[in-house]
């Protein structure tokens, strides 16, 4: 394998910026993401000529885009970090929001929920930073 020559103008990705999710009912989605999950809604760009909701997640944003049909259900998801997964589970139980338990990740605990359009959302608490050298599969280099 021949190494590619790196341009002095090489792409430098610094972090994930945002995640976009399709929704069919903007008011229902707003109630779920803003009122149920407690996310902070911010104004979308005034240049948009389509319906979208934006939520501030600190260093990232969540964009909800209105479409006539929901996405097909799949393993695809985004994750929201919480301070206490125990409290999150209790909160979702009290709201009768179904949860899917899943395989544990070393150093974390997580559960999956779905928004009203069926979009899969991982709720995760990290107890310690993920250590791929200790807890990951070994990749051949």
Protein backbone atom coordinates (compact mmCIF):
# COMPACT_ATOMS: atom_id res chain seq x y z
CA UNK A 1 0.00 0.00 0.00
CA UNK A 2 1.45 3.36 -1.03
CA UNK A 3 0.88 6.25 1.34
CA UNK A 4 -0.91 9.19 -0.25
CA UNK A 5 0.97 12.45 -0.31
CA UNK A 6 -0.57 14.88 2.17
CA UNK A 7 -1.40 18.30 0.82
CA UNK A 8 -0.32 21.28 2.94
CA UNK A 9 -4.01 22.24 2.79
CA UNK A 10 -5.14 18.91 4.27
CA UNK A 11 -8.60 18.66 5.75
CA UNK A 12 -8.51 19.10 9.53
CA UNK A 13 -11.73 17.94 11.16
CA UNK A 14 -11.90 19.28 14.70
CA UNK A 15 -15.21 17.90 16.03
CA UNK A 16 -18.73 16.85 15.18
CA UNK A 17 -20.78 20.00 14.54
CA UNK A 18 -24.40 18.87 14.38
CA UNK A 19 -26.80 16.00 13.76
CA UNK A 20 -29.91 16.27 11.59
CA UNK A 21 -33.03 14.19 12.17
CA UNK A 22 -36.17 13.97 10.03
CA UNK A 23 -39.53 14.69 11.66
CA UNK A 24 -43.03 14.74 10.20
CA UNK A 25 -44.83 16.92 12.76
CA UNK A 26 -42.83 19.97 13.89
CA UNK A 27 -45.09 20.87 16.83
CA UNK A 28 -45.03 17.30 18.16
CA UNK A 29 -41.24 17.12 17.69
CA UNK A 30 -40.79 20.48 19.46
CA UNK A 31 -42.82 19.23 22.44
CA UNK A 32 -40.71 16.06 22.64
CA UNK A 33 -37.25 17.59 22.20
CA UNK A 34 -37.86 20.89 24.04
CA UNK A 35 -40.43 19.94 26.67
CA UNK A 36 -39.79 16.23 27.30
CA UNK A 37 -36.01 16.11 26.80
CA UNK A 38 -35.46 19.69 27.97
CA UNK A 39 -33.27 20.79 25.04
CA UNK A 40 -32.83 24.53 24.41
CA UNK A 41 -34.39 25.62 21.11
CA UNK A 42 -32.51 28.30 19.18
CA UNK A 43 -33.55 30.21 16.07
CA UNK A 44 -32.71 28.56 12.78
CA UNK A 45 -30.91 30.64 10.13
CA UNK A 46 -33.21 33.28 8.63
CA UNK A 47 -31.99 32.27 5.17
CA UNK A 48 -33.73 28.87 5.33
CA UNK A 49 -36.74 28.50 3.05
CA UNK A 50 -37.76 25.18 4.63
CA UNK A 51 -39.10 24.12 8.02
CA UNK A 52 -36.46 23.21 10.59
CA UNK A 53 -35.96 23.40 14.34
CA UNK A 54 -32.53 23.89 15.88
CA UNK A 55 -31.51 22.94 19.41
CA UNK A 56 -28.34 23.96 21.23
CA UNK A 57 -26.41 21.13 22.90
CA UNK A 58 -23.43 23.16 24.10
CA UNK A 59 -20.68 22.51 21.57
CA UNK A 60 -23.06 20.83 19.11
CA UNK A 61 -26.50 21.38 17.61
CA UNK A 62 -29.42 19.12 16.82
CA UNK A 63 -31.38 20.03 13.67
CA UNK A 64 -34.89 18.69 13.10
CA UNK A 65 -35.94 18.84 9.45
CA UNK A 66 -39.57 18.51 8.45
CA UNK A 67 -40.25 15.87 5.80
CA UNK A 68 -43.51 14.23 4.68
CA UNK A 69 -42.38 10.70 5.64
CA UNK A 70 -40.36 9.52 8.66
CA UNK A 71 -37.01 7.80 8.25
CA UNK A 72 -37.04 4.03 8.11
CA UNK A 73 -36.39 2.52 11.54
CA UNK A 74 -32.85 1.26 11.83
CA UNK A 75 -29.89 1.04 14.19
CA UNK A 76 -28.97 4.61 13.14
CA UNK A 77 -29.07 6.99 16.09
CA UNK A 78 -27.52 9.90 17.89
CA UNK A 79 -26.57 9.94 21.57
CA UNK A 80 -27.30 12.39 24.34
CA UNK A 81 -25.01 12.30 27.37
CA UNK A 82 -26.68 12.54 30.78
CA UNK A 83 -25.34 13.17 34.28
CA UNK A 84 -27.22 10.16 35.69
CA UNK A 85 -28.50 7.21 33.67
CA UNK A 86 -30.32 5.99 36.79
CA UNK A 87 -32.27 9.27 36.95
CA UNK A 88 -32.86 9.19 33.18
CA UNK A 89 -34.36 5.69 33.37
CA UNK A 90 -36.65 6.78 36.21
CA UNK A 91 -37.66 9.92 34.27
CA UNK A 92 -38.58 7.92 31.15
CA UNK A 93 -40.44 5.34 33.25
CA UNK A 94 -42.52 8.11 34.85
CA UNK A 95 -43.38 9.47 31.39
CA UNK A 96 -44.16 5.95 30.07
CA UNK A 97 -41.51 6.33 27.36
CA UNK A 98 -40.41 2.82 26.36
CA UNK A 99 -36.70 2.07 26.75
CA UNK A 100 -34.55 -0.54 25.05
CA UNK A 101 -31.72 -1.91 27.13
CA UNK A 102 -28.64 -2.80 25.12
CA UNK A 103 -25.10 -4.12 25.22
CA UNK A 104 -22.93 -2.35 27.80
CA UNK A 105 -19.93 -0.29 26.79
CA UNK A 106 -16.98 -0.47 29.20
CA UNK A 107 -17.06 2.59 31.45
CA UNK A 108 -20.63 3.58 30.51
CA UNK A 109 -24.28 2.68 30.88
CA UNK A 110 -26.88 3.46 28.24
CA UNK A 111 -30.43 2.96 27.09
CA UNK A 112 -32.27 3.73 23.84
CA UNK A 113 -35.56 5.59 23.40
CA UNK A 114 -37.43 6.74 20.28
CA UNK A 115 -38.89 10.13 19.44
CA UNK A 116 -42.50 10.35 18.15
CA UNK A 117 -41.28 9.74 14.56
CA UNK A 118 -39.36 6.61 15.58
CA UNK A 119 -35.90 8.20 15.48
CA UNK A 120 -33.60 6.21 17.77
CA UNK A 121 -31.87 8.16 20.57
CA UNK A 122 -29.17 6.75 22.81
CA UNK A 123 -29.11 8.10 26.36
CA UNK A 124 -25.66 7.49 27.87
CA UNK A 125 -23.74 8.18 31.05
CA UNK A 126 -19.95 7.82 30.92
CA UNK A 127 -18.38 6.82 34.23
CA UNK A 128 -14.89 7.04 32.75
CA UNK A 129 -13.46 7.99 29.36
CA UNK A 130 -13.54 5.24 26.76
CA UNK A 131 -10.12 3.63 26.43
CA UNK A 132 -9.88 1.87 23.04
CA UNK A 133 -6.47 0.37 23.89
CA UNK A 134 -7.96 -1.34 26.95
CA UNK A 135 -11.59 -1.90 25.94
CA UNK A 136 -11.62 -1.84 22.12
CA UNK A 137 -10.92 -4.43 19.49
CA UNK A 138 -7.36 -4.38 18.26
CA UNK A 139 -7.05 -2.89 14.78
CA UNK A 140 -4.26 -3.97 12.49
CA UNK A 141 -2.26 -1.01 11.29
